[in-house]
Amino acid sequence: MAKIKVYTLPTCPWCMKLKAWLVEKKIDFENIDVSSDSSAVEEMTSKSGELGVPQTEINGKMIVGFVPEEIEAELAKMSKTKKTKK
């Protein structure tokens, strides 16, 4: 399965919605609280060029905001790639 990182703030309502959606879909992810980790902020902004949260990283692709369609499309791409490698 794809490696998923979610950059969030604890007070961000869209971050909460994104994490709840991922849990509901049974998608494993690593939550990174950027309010308590300045190096994570630097990592996130260097990858996306954006400071806003939430941001979802799926195998190097950054998705800014809570955009379920983009997340599902990226996961589908990763699933197809994994199947063709077998």
PDB file of N, CA and C in Angstrom:
ATOM      1  N   MET A   1       0.845  -1.190   0.000  1.00  0.00           N
ATOM      2  CA  MET A   1       0.000   0.000   0.000  1.00  0.00           C
ATOM      3  C   MET A   1       0.877   1.235   0.000  1.00  0.00           C
ATOM      4  N   ALA A   2       0.336   2.313  -0.521  1.00  0.00           N
ATOM      5  CA  ALA A   2       1.059   3.577  -0.618  1.00  0.00           C
ATOM      6  C   ALA A   2       1.384   4.112   0.772  1.00  0.00           C
ATOM      7  N   LYS A   3       2.505   4.791   0.858  1.00  0.00           N
ATOM      8  CA  LYS A   3       2.898   5.457   2.095  1.00  0.00           C
ATOM      9  C   LYS A   3       2.183   6.802   2.116  1.00  0.00           C
ATOM     10  N   ILE A   4       1.357   7.033   3.136  1.00  0.00           N
ATOM     11  CA  ILE A   4       0.570   8.257   3.215  1.00  0.00           C
ATOM     12  C   ILE A   4       0.965   9.037   4.463  1.00  0.00           C
ATOM     13  N   LYS A   5       1.319  10.306   4.243  1.00  0.00           N
ATOM     14  CA  LYS A   5       1.580  11.227   5.346  1.00  0.00           C
ATOM     15  C   LYS A   5       0.531  12.328   5.270  1.00  0.00           C
ATOM     16  N   VAL A   6      -0.012  12.698   6.413  1.00  0.00           N
ATOM     17  CA  VAL A   6      -0.984  13.771   6.478  1.00  0.00           C
ATOM     18  C   VAL A   6      -0.438  14.842   7.413  1.00  0.00           C
ATOM     19  N   TYR A   7      -0.212  16.028   6.862  1.00  0.00           N
ATOM     20  CA  TYR A   7       0.288  17.169   7.635  1.00  0.00           C
ATOM     21  C   TYR A   7      -0.924  17.956   8.113  1.00  0.00           C
ATOM     22  N   THR A   8      -1.038  18.128   9.437  1.00  0.00           N
ATOM     23  CA  THR A   8      -2.233  18.744  10.013  1.00  0.00           C
ATOM     24  C   THR A   8      -1.899  19.689  11.169  1.00  0.00           C
ATOM     25  N   LEU A   9      -2.936  20.414  11.584  1.00  0.00           N
ATOM     26  CA  LEU A   9      -2.940  21.191  12.826  1.00  0.00           C
ATOM     27  C   LEU A   9      -4.089  20.659  13.682  1.00  0.00           C
ATOM     28  N   PRO A  10      -3.918  20.596  14.985  1.00  0.00           N
ATOM     29  CA  PRO A  10      -4.979  20.037  15.832  1.00  0.00           C
ATOM     30  C   PRO A  10      -6.264  20.862  15.841  1.00  0.00           C
ATOM     31  N   THR A  11      -6.202  22.154  15.518  1.00  0.00           N
ATOM     32  CA  THR A  11      -7.387  23.012  15.554  1.00  0.00           C
ATOM     33  C   THR A  11      -8.037  23.204  14.186  1.00  0.00           C
ATOM     34  N   CYS A  12      -7.514  22.555  13.164  1.00  0.00           N
ATOM     35  CA  CYS A  12      -7.994  22.734  11.793  1.00  0.00           C
ATOM     36  C   CYS A  12      -9.186  21.805  11.516  1.00  0.00           C
ATOM     37  N   PRO A  13     -10.373  22.373  11.233  1.00  0.00           N
ATOM     38  CA  PRO A  13     -11.537  21.524  10.987  1.00  0.00           C
ATOM     39  C   PRO A  13     -11.395  20.657   9.735  1.00  0.00           C
ATOM     40  N   TRP A  14     -10.744  21.142   8.688  1.00  0.00           N
ATOM     41  CA  TRP A  14     -10.552  20.344   7.473  1.00  0.00           C
ATOM     42  C   TRP A  14      -9.577  19.204   7.727  1.00  0.00           C
ATOM     43  N   CYS A  15      -8.612  19.442   8.604  1.00  0.00           N
ATOM     44  CA  CYS A  15      -7.680  18.370   8.982  1.00  0.00           C
ATOM     45  C   CYS A  15      -8.436  17.248   9.696  1.00  0.00           C
ATOM     46  N   MET A  16      -9.342  17.634  10.587  1.00  0.00           N
ATOM     47  CA  MET A  16     -10.138  16.649  11.318  1.00  0.00           C
ATOM     48  C   MET A  16     -11.019  15.852  10.360  1.00  0.00           C
ATOM     49  N   LYS A  17     -11.623  16.546   9.387  1.00  0.00           N
ATOM     50  CA  LYS A  17     -12.474  15.868   8.406  1.00  0.00           C
ATOM     51  C   LYS A  17     -11.653  14.893   7.566  1.00  0.00           C
ATOM     52  N   LEU A  18     -10.465  15.319   7.150  1.00  0.00           N
ATOM     53  CA  LEU A  18      -9.602  14.451   6.348  1.00  0.00           C
ATOM     54  C   LEU A  18      -9.228  13.192   7.123  1.00  0.00           C
ATOM     55  N   LYS A  19      -8.790  13.356   8.356  1.00  0.00           N
ATOM     56  CA  LYS A  19      -8.387  12.195   9.157  1.00  0.00           C
ATOM     57  C   LYS A  19      -9.574  11.266   9.417  1.00  0.00           C
ATOM     58  N   ALA A  20     -10.744  11.820   9.700  1.00  0.00           N
ATOM     59  CA  ALA A  20     -11.937  10.992   9.925  1.00  0.00           C
ATOM     60  C   ALA A  20     -12.304  10.232   8.646  1.00  0.00           C
ATOM     61  N   TRP A  21     -12.179  10.883   7.499  1.00  0.00           N
ATOM     62  CA  TRP A  21     -12.472  10.238   6.215  1.00  0.00           C
ATOM     63  C   TRP A  21     -11.507   9.081   5.959  1.00  0.00           C
ATOM     64  N   LEU A  22     -10.223   9.303   6.216  1.00  0.00           N
ATOM     65  CA  LEU A  22      -9.230   8.244   6.023  1.00  0.00           C
ATOM     66  C   LEU A  22      -9.507   7.048   6.941  1.00  0.00           C
ATOM     67  N   VAL A  23      -9.851   7.320   8.186  1.00  0.00           N
ATOM     68  CA  VAL A  23     -10.172   6.253   9.136  1.00  0.00           C
ATOM     69  C   VAL A  23     -11.414   5.496   8.663  1.00  0.00           C
ATOM     70  N   GLU A  24     -12.436   6.233   8.233  1.00  0.00           N
ATOM     71  CA  GLU A  24     -13.673   5.610   7.744  1.00  0.00           C
ATOM     72  C   GLU A  24     -13.400   4.694   6.543  1.00  0.00           C
ATOM     73  N   LYS A  25     -12.478   5.124   5.664  1.00  0.00           N
ATOM     74  CA  LYS A  25     -12.127   4.346   4.472  1.00  0.00           C
ATOM     75  C   LYS A  25     -11.105   3.245   4.775  1.00  0.00           C
ATOM     76  N   LYS A  26     -10.677   3.178   6.043  1.00  0.00           N
ATOM     77  CA  LYS A  26      -9.676   2.189   6.482  1.00  0.00           C
ATOM     78  C   LYS A  26      -8.355   2.336   5.716  1.00  0.00           C
ATOM     79  N   ILE A  27      -7.956   3.596   5.542  1.00  0.00           N
ATOM     80  CA  ILE A  27      -6.699   3.915   4.874  1.00  0.00           C
ATOM     81  C   ILE A  27      -5.677   4.284   5.945  1.00  0.00           C
ATOM     82  N   ASP A  28      -4.597   3.520   6.018  1.00  0.00           N
ATOM     83  CA  ASP A  28      -3.551   3.796   7.004  1.00  0.00           C
ATOM     84  C   ASP A  28      -2.793   5.054   6.605  1.00  0.00           C
ATOM     85  N   PHE A  29      -2.454   5.864   7.603  1.00  0.00           N
ATOM     86  CA  PHE A  29      -1.701   7.081   7.348  1.00  0.00           C
ATOM     87  C   PHE A  29      -0.893   7.463   8.570  1.00  0.00           C
ATOM     88  N   GLU A  30       0.133   8.259   8.316  1.00  0.00           N
ATOM     89  CA  GLU A  30       0.945   8.829   9.397  1.00  0.00           C
ATOM     90  C   GLU A  30       0.520  10.277   9.565  1.00  0.00           C
ATOM     91  N   ASN A  31       0.062  10.644  10.749  1.00  0.00           N
ATOM     92  CA  ASN A  31      -0.333  12.023  11.019  1.00  0.00           C
ATOM     93  C   ASN A  31       0.875  12.812  11.511  1.00  0.00           C
ATOM     94  N   ILE A  32       1.119  13.959  10.901  1.00  0.00           N
ATOM     95  CA  ILE A  32       2.221  14.820  11.307  1.00  0.00           C
ATOM     96  C   ILE A  32       1.635  16.162  11.728  1.00  0.00           C
ATOM     97  N   ASP A  33       1.736  16.456  13.027  1.00  0.00           N
ATOM     98  CA  ASP A  33       1.221  17.703  13.598  1.00  0.00           C
ATOM     99  C   ASP A  33       2.271  18.790  13.388  1.00  0.00           C
ATOM    100  N   VAL A  34       2.015  19.680  12.442  1.00  0.00           N
ATOM    101  CA  VAL A  34       3.008  20.714  12.124  1.00  0.00           C
ATOM    102  C   VAL A  34       3.059  21.818  13.173  1.00  0.00           C
ATOM    103  N   SER A  35       2.094  21.843  14.110  1.00  0.00           N
ATOM    104  CA  SER A  35       2.134  22.868  15.156  1.00  0.00           C
ATOM    105  C   SER A  35       3.227  22.589  16.179  1.00  0.00           C
ATOM    106  N   SER A  36       3.678  21.339  16.243  1.00  0.00           N
ATOM    107  CA  SER A  36       4.684  20.990  17.246  1.00  0.00           C
ATOM    108  C   SER A  36       6.000  20.508  16.630  1.00  0.00           C
ATOM    109  N   ASP A  37       6.144  20.669  15.313  1.00  0.00           N
ATOM    110  CA  ASP A  37       7.338  20.154  14.645  1.00  0.00           C
ATOM    111  C   ASP A  37       7.749  21.096  13.511  1.00  0.00           C
ATOM    112  N   SER A  38       8.673  22.003  13.801  1.00  0.00           N
ATOM    113  CA  SER A  38       9.086  22.992  12.802  1.00  0.00           C
ATOM    114  C   SER A  38       9.788  22.346  11.606  1.00  0.00           C
ATOM    115  N   SER A  39      10.476  21.242  11.813  1.00  0.00           N
ATOM    116  CA  SER A  39      11.122  20.579  10.680  1.00  0.00           C
ATOM    117  C   SER A  39      10.070  19.970   9.745  1.00  0.00           C
ATOM    118  N   ALA A  40       8.930  19.555  10.292  1.00  0.00           N
ATOM    119  CA  ALA A  40       7.838  19.033   9.462  1.00  0.00           C
ATOM    120  C   ALA A  40       7.235  20.145   8.608  1.00  0.00           C
ATOM    121  N   VAL A  41       7.160  21.360   9.162  1.00  0.00           N
ATOM    122  CA  VAL A  41       6.663  22.502   8.383  1.00  0.00           C
ATOM    123  C   VAL A  41       7.594  22.754   7.200  1.00  0.00           C
ATOM    124  N   GLU A  42       8.893  22.747   7.461  1.00  0.00           N
ATOM    125  CA  GLU A  42       9.869  22.949   6.394  1.00  0.00           C
ATOM    126  C   GLU A  42       9.769  21.850   5.344  1.00  0.00           C
ATOM    127  N   GLU A  43       9.635  20.610   5.796  1.00  0.00           N
ATOM    128  CA  GLU A  43       9.508  19.473   4.877  1.00  0.00           C
ATOM    129  C   GLU A  43       8.264  19.629   4.005  1.00  0.00           C
ATOM    130  N   MET A  44       7.143  19.946   4.624  1.00  0.00           N
ATOM    131  CA  MET A  44       5.875  20.094   3.918  1.00  0.00           C
ATOM    132  C   MET A  44       5.950  21.218   2.878  1.00  0.00           C
ATOM    133  N   THR A  45       6.437  22.385   3.294  1.00  0.00           N
ATOM    134  CA  THR A  45       6.475  23.519   2.367  1.00  0.00           C
ATOM    135  C   THR A  45       7.502  23.326   1.256  1.00  0.00           C
ATOM    136  N   SER A  46       8.574  22.625   1.539  1.00  0.00           N
ATOM    137  CA  SER A  46       9.559  22.383   0.477  1.00  0.00           C
ATOM    138  C   SER A  46       9.002  21.424  -0.576  1.00  0.00           C
ATOM    139  N   LYS A  47       8.126  20.531  -0.165  1.00  0.00           N
ATOM    140  CA  LYS A  47       7.535  19.569  -1.106  1.00  0.00           C
ATOM    141  C   LYS A  47       6.396  20.164  -1.917  1.00  0.00           C
ATOM    142  N   SER A  48       5.584  21.009  -1.280  1.00  0.00           N
ATOM    143  CA  SER A  48       4.378  21.512  -1.948  1.00  0.00           C
ATOM    144  C   SER A  48       4.449  22.983  -2.354  1.00  0.00           C
ATOM    145  N   GLY A  49       5.308  23.737  -1.672  1.00  0.00           N
ATOM    146  CA  GLY A  49       5.332  25.177  -1.905  1.00  0.00           C
ATOM    147  C   GLY A  49       4.180  25.891  -1.210  1.00  0.00           C
ATOM    148  N   GLU A  50       3.425  25.158  -0.414  1.00  0.00           N
ATOM    149  CA  GLU A  50       2.242  25.688   0.271  1.00  0.00           C
ATOM    150  C   GLU A  50       2.404  25.588   1.780  1.00  0.00           C
ATOM    151  N   LEU A  51       1.804  26.540   2.491  1.00  0.00           N
ATOM    152  CA  LEU A  51       1.858  26.533   3.948  1.00  0.00           C
ATOM    153  C   LEU A  51       0.546  26.048   4.573  1.00  0.00           C
ATOM    154  N   GLY A  52      -0.540  26.058   3.804  1.00  0.00           N
ATOM    155  CA  GLY A  52      -1.847  25.662   4.334  1.00  0.00           C
ATOM    156  C   GLY A  52      -1.943  24.175   4.626  1.00  0.00           C
ATOM    157  N   VAL A  53      -2.834  23.829   5.541  1.00  0.00           N
ATOM    158  CA  VAL A  53      -3.108  22.442   5.888  1.00  0.00           C
ATOM    159  C   VAL A  53      -4.601  22.189   5.710  1.00  0.00           C
ATOM    160  N   PRO A  54      -5.018  20.958   5.557  1.00  0.00           N
ATOM    161  CA  PRO A  54      -4.218  19.746   5.540  1.00  0.00           C
ATOM    162  C   PRO A  54      -3.499  19.568   4.204  1.00  0.00           C
ATOM    163  N   GLN A  55      -2.431  18.787   4.265  1.00  0.00           N
ATOM    164  CA  GLN A  55      -1.729  18.353   3.066  1.00  0.00           C
ATOM    165  C   GLN A  55      -1.518  16.854   3.196  1.00  0.00           C
ATOM    166  N   THR A  56      -1.739  16.165   2.096  1.00  0.00           N
ATOM    167  CA  THR A  56      -1.589  14.712   2.077  1.00  0.00           C
ATOM    168  C   THR A  56      -0.491  14.370   1.084  1.00  0.00           C
ATOM    169  N   GLU A  57       0.466  13.574   1.529  1.00  0.00           N
ATOM    170  CA  GLU A  57       1.524  13.108   0.651  1.00  0.00           C
ATOM    171  C   GLU A  57       1.334  11.605   0.418  1.00  0.00           C
ATOM    172  N   ILE A  58       1.206  11.245  -0.855  1.00  0.00           N
ATOM    173  CA  ILE A  58       1.072   9.834  -1.225  1.00  0.00           C
ATOM    174  C   ILE A  58       2.213   9.513  -2.172  1.00  0.00           C
ATOM    175  N   ASN A  59       3.174   8.752  -1.660  1.00  0.00           N
ATOM    176  CA  ASN A  59       4.377   8.380  -2.423  1.00  0.00           C
ATOM    177  C   ASN A  59       4.985   9.551  -3.188  1.00  0.00           C
ATOM    178  N   GLY A  60       5.135  10.680  -2.487  1.00  0.00           N
ATOM    179  CA  GLY A  60       5.812  11.837  -3.054  1.00  0.00           C
ATOM    180  C   GLY A  60       4.908  12.869  -3.682  1.00  0.00           C
ATOM    181  N   LYS A  61       3.658  12.553  -3.987  1.00  0.00           N
ATOM    182  CA  LYS A  61       2.729  13.530  -4.568  1.00  0.00           C
ATOM    183  C   LYS A  61       2.007  14.246  -3.434  1.00  0.00           C
ATOM    184  N   MET A  62       1.998  15.572  -3.504  1.00  0.00           N
ATOM    185  CA  MET A  62       1.343  16.378  -2.474  1.00  0.00           C
ATOM    186  C   MET A  62      -0.044  16.803  -2.943  1.00  0.00           C
ATOM    187  N   ILE A  63      -1.029  16.634  -2.059  1.00  0.00           N
ATOM    188  CA  ILE A  63      -2.394  17.079  -2.310  1.00  0.00           C
ATOM    189  C   ILE A  63      -2.730  18.073  -1.212  1.00  0.00           C
ATOM    190  N   VAL A  64      -2.977  19.324  -1.601  1.00  0.00           N
ATOM    191  CA  VAL A  64      -3.243  20.389  -0.635  1.00  0.00           C
ATOM    192  C   VAL A  64      -4.745  20.522  -0.444  1.00  0.00           C
ATOM    193  N   GLY A  65      -5.180  20.490   0.824  1.00  0.00           N
ATOM    194  CA  GLY A  65      -6.595  20.582   1.154  1.00  0.00           C
ATOM    195  C   GLY A  65      -7.215  19.201   1.308  1.00  0.00           C
ATOM    196  N   PHE A  66      -8.490  19.188   1.647  1.00  0.00           N
ATOM    197  CA  PHE A  66      -9.227  17.928   1.765  1.00  0.00           C
ATOM    198  C   PHE A  66      -9.945  17.696   0.443  1.00  0.00           C
ATOM    199  N   VAL A  67      -9.310  16.883  -0.408  1.00  0.00           N
ATOM    200  CA  VAL A  67      -9.826  16.618  -1.753  1.00  0.00           C
ATOM    201  C   VAL A  67      -9.913  15.094  -1.933  1.00  0.00           C
ATOM    202  N   PRO A  68     -10.999  14.477  -1.448  1.00  0.00           N
ATOM    203  CA  PRO A  68     -11.109  13.025  -1.486  1.00  0.00           C
ATOM    204  C   PRO A  68     -10.909  12.426  -2.879  1.00  0.00           C
ATOM    205  N   GLU A  69     -11.415  13.109  -3.910  1.00  0.00           N
ATOM    206  CA  GLU A  69     -11.301  12.577  -5.268  1.00  0.00           C
ATOM    207  C   GLU A  69      -9.830  12.443  -5.687  1.00  0.00           C
ATOM    208  N   GLU A  70      -9.026  13.435  -5.358  1.00  0.00           N
ATOM    209  CA  GLU A  70      -7.602  13.384  -5.707  1.00  0.00           C
ATOM    210  C   GLU A  70      -6.881  12.291  -4.921  1.00  0.00           C
ATOM    211  N   ILE A  71      -7.229  12.159  -3.654  1.00  0.00           N
ATOM    212  CA  ILE A  71      -6.604  11.133  -2.814  1.00  0.00           C
ATOM    213  C   ILE A  71      -6.950   9.747  -3.366  1.00  0.00           C
ATOM    214  N   GLU A  72      -8.231   9.521  -3.670  1.00  0.00           N
ATOM    215  CA  GLU A  72      -8.649   8.229  -4.213  1.00  0.00           C
ATOM    216  C   GLU A  72      -7.990   7.946  -5.561  1.00  0.00           C
ATOM    217  N   ALA A  73      -7.864   8.970  -6.409  1.00  0.00           N
ATOM    218  CA  ALA A  73      -7.235   8.792  -7.720  1.00  0.00           C
ATOM    219  C   ALA A  73      -5.769   8.411  -7.568  1.00  0.00           C
ATOM    220  N   GLU A  74      -5.087   9.048  -6.624  1.00  0.00           N
ATOM    221  CA  GLU A  74      -3.665   8.736  -6.410  1.00  0.00           C
ATOM    222  C   GLU A  74      -3.498   7.332  -5.835  1.00  0.00           C
ATOM    223  N   LEU A  75      -4.377   6.952  -4.928  1.00  0.00           N
ATOM    224  CA  LEU A  75      -4.327   5.595  -4.373  1.00  0.00           C
ATOM    225  C   LEU A  75      -4.612   4.555  -5.457  1.00  0.00           C
ATOM    226  N   ALA A  76      -5.541   4.859  -6.362  1.00  0.00           N
ATOM    227  CA  ALA A  76      -5.860   3.939  -7.461  1.00  0.00           C
ATOM    228  C   ALA A  76      -4.648   3.776  -8.382  1.00  0.00           C
ATOM    229  N   LYS A  77      -3.948   4.883  -8.657  1.00  0.00           N
ATOM    230  CA  LYS A  77      -2.729   4.813  -9.485  1.00  0.00           C
ATOM    231  C   LYS A  77      -1.690   3.926  -8.826  1.00  0.00           C
ATOM    232  N   MET A  78      -1.528   4.099  -7.514  1.00  0.00           N
ATOM    233  CA  MET A  78      -0.532   3.319  -6.790  1.00  0.00           C
ATOM    234  C   MET A  78      -0.919   1.840  -6.798  1.00  0.00           C
ATOM    235  N   SER A  79      -2.197   1.563  -6.687  1.00  0.00           N
ATOM    236  CA  SER A  79      -2.670   0.182  -6.691  1.00  0.00           C
ATOM    237  C   SER A  79      -2.405  -0.473  -8.045  1.00  0.00           C
ATOM    238  N   LYS A  80      -2.642   0.255  -9.139  1.00  0.00           N
ATOM    239  CA  LYS A  80      -2.392  -0.266 -10.482  1.00  0.00           C
ATOM    240  C   LYS A  80      -0.909  -0.533 -10.693  1.00  0.00           C
ATOM    241  N   THR A  81      -0.065   0.399 -10.228  1.00  0.00           N
ATOM    242  CA  THR A  81       1.389   0.246 -10.371  1.00  0.00           C
ATOM    243  C   THR A  81       1.860  -0.982  -9.619  1.00  0.00           C
ATOM    244  N   LYS A  82       1.334  -1.173  -8.426  1.00  0.00           N
ATOM    245  CA  LYS A  82       1.741  -2.311  -7.599  1.00  0.00           C
ATOM    246  C   LYS A  82       1.340  -3.629  -8.265  1.00  0.00           C
ATOM    247  N   LYS A  83       0.132  -3.672  -8.870  1.00  0.00           N
ATOM    248  CA  LYS A  83      -0.335  -4.886  -9.530  1.00  0.00           C
ATOM    249  C   LYS A  83       0.509  -5.232 -10.755  1.00  0.00           C
ATOM    250  N   THR A  84       0.947  -4.233 -11.513  1.00  0.00           N
ATOM    251  CA  THR A  84       1.724  -4.497 -12.715  1.00  0.00           C
ATOM    252  C   THR A  84       3.144  -4.941 -12.387  1.00  0.00           C
ATOM    253  N   LYS A  85       3.630  -4.614 -11.202  1.00  0.00           N
ATOM    254  CA  LYS A  85       4.981  -5.027 -10.795  1.00  0.00           C
ATOM    255  C   LYS A  85       5.031  -6.486 -10.363  1.00  0.00           C
ATOM    256  N   LYS A  86       3.892  -7.076 -10.011  1.00  0.00           N
ATOM    257  CA  LYS A  86       3.857  -8.464  -9.529  1.00  0.00           C
ATOM    258  C   LYS A  86       4.059  -9.440 -10.643  1.00  0.00           C
TER     259      LYS A  86
END
